[in-house]
Amino acid sequence: KEDVMVKKTIAAIFSVLVLSTVLTACNTTRGVGEDISDGGNAISGAATKAQQ
């Protein structure tokens, strides 16, 4: 049971770190839109390169 508790604690800490990173990176609605747009542009650029 102690092993399960340690795993849950690690999972909780990891979740908080990921969430704080996401919130810091996308702290505004505009920032979220820019991040999504940048991601789409990166995918589009990679697809274009793959076709060549």
N, C-alpha and C. Protein backbone atom coordinates (compact mmCIF):
# COMPACT_ATOMS: atom_id res chain seq x y z
N LYS A 1 0.82 -1.20 0.00
CA LYS A 1 0.00 0.00 0.00
C LYS A 1 0.86 1.26 0.00
N GLU A 2 2.03 1.17 0.60
CA GLU A 2 2.92 2.33 0.62
C GLU A 2 3.41 2.65 -0.79
N ASP A 3 3.64 1.60 -1.59
CA ASP A 3 4.09 1.78 -2.97
C ASP A 3 3.03 2.51 -3.80
N VAL A 4 1.78 2.17 -3.59
CA VAL A 4 0.68 2.82 -4.29
C VAL A 4 0.61 4.29 -3.90
N MET A 5 0.80 4.58 -2.63
CA MET A 5 0.75 5.96 -2.15
C MET A 5 1.88 6.78 -2.77
N VAL A 6 3.06 6.20 -2.88
CA VAL A 6 4.20 6.90 -3.49
C VAL A 6 3.89 7.19 -4.95
N LYS A 7 3.34 6.22 -5.66
CA LYS A 7 3.00 6.42 -7.08
C LYS A 7 1.95 7.51 -7.24
N LYS A 8 0.96 7.54 -6.37
CA LYS A 8 -0.08 8.57 -6.44
C LYS A 8 0.51 9.95 -6.16
N THR A 9 1.43 10.02 -5.21
CA THR A 9 2.08 11.29 -4.88
C THR A 9 2.90 11.79 -6.06
N ILE A 10 3.66 10.90 -6.67
CA ILE A 10 4.47 11.27 -7.83
C ILE A 10 3.57 11.72 -8.98
N ALA A 11 2.48 11.01 -9.21
CA ALA A 11 1.54 11.39 -10.28
C ALA A 11 0.93 12.76 -10.01
N ALA A 12 0.60 13.04 -8.76
CA ALA A 12 0.02 14.34 -8.41
C ALA A 12 1.02 15.46 -8.62
N ILE A 13 2.25 15.25 -8.21
CA ILE A 13 3.30 16.26 -8.40
C ILE A 13 3.54 16.51 -9.88
N PHE A 14 3.61 15.44 -10.66
CA PHE A 14 3.81 15.55 -12.10
C PHE A 14 2.66 16.32 -12.74
N SER A 15 1.43 16.02 -12.34
CA SER A 15 0.26 16.71 -12.89
C SER A 15 0.30 18.20 -12.59
N VAL A 16 0.68 18.56 -11.38
CA VAL A 16 0.78 19.97 -11.01
C VAL A 16 1.86 20.67 -11.84
N LEU A 17 2.99 20.02 -12.03
CA LEU A 17 4.06 20.61 -12.84
C LEU A 17 3.62 20.82 -14.28
N VAL A 18 2.96 19.84 -14.86
CA VAL A 18 2.49 19.96 -16.25
C VAL A 18 1.45 21.07 -16.35
N LEU A 19 0.51 21.09 -15.43
CA LEU A 19 -0.53 22.12 -15.45
C LEU A 19 0.06 23.52 -15.28
N SER A 20 1.01 23.68 -14.38
CA SER A 20 1.61 25.00 -14.19
C SER A 20 2.40 25.43 -15.41
N THR A 21 3.04 24.49 -16.07
CA THR A 21 3.78 24.81 -17.30
C THR A 21 2.82 25.26 -18.39
N VAL A 22 1.72 24.55 -18.55
CA VAL A 22 0.73 24.91 -19.57
C VAL A 22 0.14 26.28 -19.27
N LEU A 23 -0.21 26.52 -18.02
CA LEU A 23 -0.81 27.81 -17.67
C LEU A 23 0.18 28.95 -17.82
N THR A 24 1.43 28.70 -17.56
CA THR A 24 2.44 29.74 -17.72
C THR A 24 2.67 30.04 -19.20
N ALA A 25 2.73 29.00 -20.01
CA ALA A 25 2.98 29.18 -21.44
C ALA A 25 1.79 29.83 -22.13
N CYS A 26 0.60 29.56 -21.68
CA CYS A 26 -0.61 30.06 -22.33
C CYS A 26 -1.43 30.87 -21.33
N ASN A 27 -0.86 31.94 -20.82
CA ASN A 27 -1.52 32.66 -19.73
C ASN A 27 -2.63 33.58 -20.19
N THR A 28 -2.82 33.72 -21.48
CA THR A 28 -3.93 34.54 -21.97
C THR A 28 -4.62 33.80 -23.11
N THR A 29 -5.83 34.21 -23.40
CA THR A 29 -6.56 33.61 -24.52
C THR A 29 -5.81 33.85 -25.82
N ARG A 30 -5.25 35.02 -25.96
CA ARG A 30 -4.48 35.32 -27.16
C ARG A 30 -3.27 34.40 -27.26
N GLY A 31 -2.62 34.16 -26.14
CA GLY A 31 -1.47 33.26 -26.12
C GLY A 31 -1.84 31.85 -26.55
N VAL A 32 -3.01 31.39 -26.11
CA VAL A 32 -3.48 30.07 -26.51
C VAL A 32 -3.68 30.03 -28.02
N GLY A 33 -4.31 31.06 -28.55
CA GLY A 33 -4.53 31.12 -30.00
C GLY A 33 -3.23 31.13 -30.78
N GLU A 34 -2.26 31.89 -30.29
CA GLU A 34 -0.96 31.94 -30.95
C GLU A 34 -0.26 30.59 -30.89
N ASP A 35 -0.34 29.93 -29.75
CA ASP A 35 0.28 28.61 -29.60
C ASP A 35 -0.34 27.60 -30.56
N ILE A 36 -1.67 27.62 -30.67
CA ILE A 36 -2.35 26.69 -31.57
C ILE A 36 -1.98 27.01 -33.01
N SER A 37 -1.94 28.29 -33.34
CA SER A 37 -1.57 28.70 -34.70
C SER A 37 -0.14 28.29 -35.03
N ASP A 38 0.77 28.50 -34.10
CA ASP A 38 2.17 28.10 -34.31
C ASP A 38 2.29 26.60 -34.50
N GLY A 39 1.52 25.85 -33.72
CA GLY A 39 1.53 24.39 -33.87
C GLY A 39 1.02 23.97 -35.24
N GLY A 40 -0.04 24.60 -35.70
CA GLY A 40 -0.58 24.31 -37.03
C GLY A 40 0.41 24.66 -38.12
N ASN A 41 1.09 25.79 -37.97
CA ASN A 41 2.10 26.18 -38.96
C ASN A 41 3.26 25.20 -38.99
N ALA A 42 3.67 24.71 -37.84
CA ALA A 42 4.76 23.74 -37.78
C ALA A 42 4.36 22.44 -38.46
N ILE A 43 3.14 21.99 -38.23
CA ILE A 43 2.66 20.76 -38.86
C ILE A 43 2.57 20.96 -40.37
N SER A 44 2.06 22.09 -40.79
CA SER A 44 1.94 22.39 -42.22
C SER A 44 3.30 22.43 -42.89
N GLY A 45 4.26 23.06 -42.23
CA GLY A 45 5.62 23.13 -42.78
C GLY A 45 6.26 21.76 -42.88
N ALA A 46 6.05 20.93 -41.88
CA ALA A 46 6.60 19.58 -41.90
C ALA A 46 5.97 18.76 -43.02
N ALA A 47 4.66 18.93 -43.23
CA ALA A 47 3.97 18.20 -44.30
C ALA A 47 4.49 18.63 -45.66
N THR A 48 4.72 19.93 -45.83
CA THR A 48 5.25 20.43 -47.10
C THR A 48 6.64 19.86 -47.37
N LYS A 49 7.49 19.84 -46.36
CA LYS A 49 8.84 19.29 -46.52
C LYS A 49 8.79 17.80 -46.85
N ALA A 50 7.85 17.08 -46.24
CA ALA A 50 7.74 15.64 -46.47
C ALA A 50 7.31 15.35 -47.90
N GLN A 51 6.52 16.24 -48.50
CA GLN A 51 6.05 16.04 -49.87
C GLN A 51 7.14 16.30 -50.89
N GLN A 52 8.14 17.06 -50.54
CA GLN A 52 9.18 17.43 -51.51
C GLN A 52 10.20 16.37 -51.69
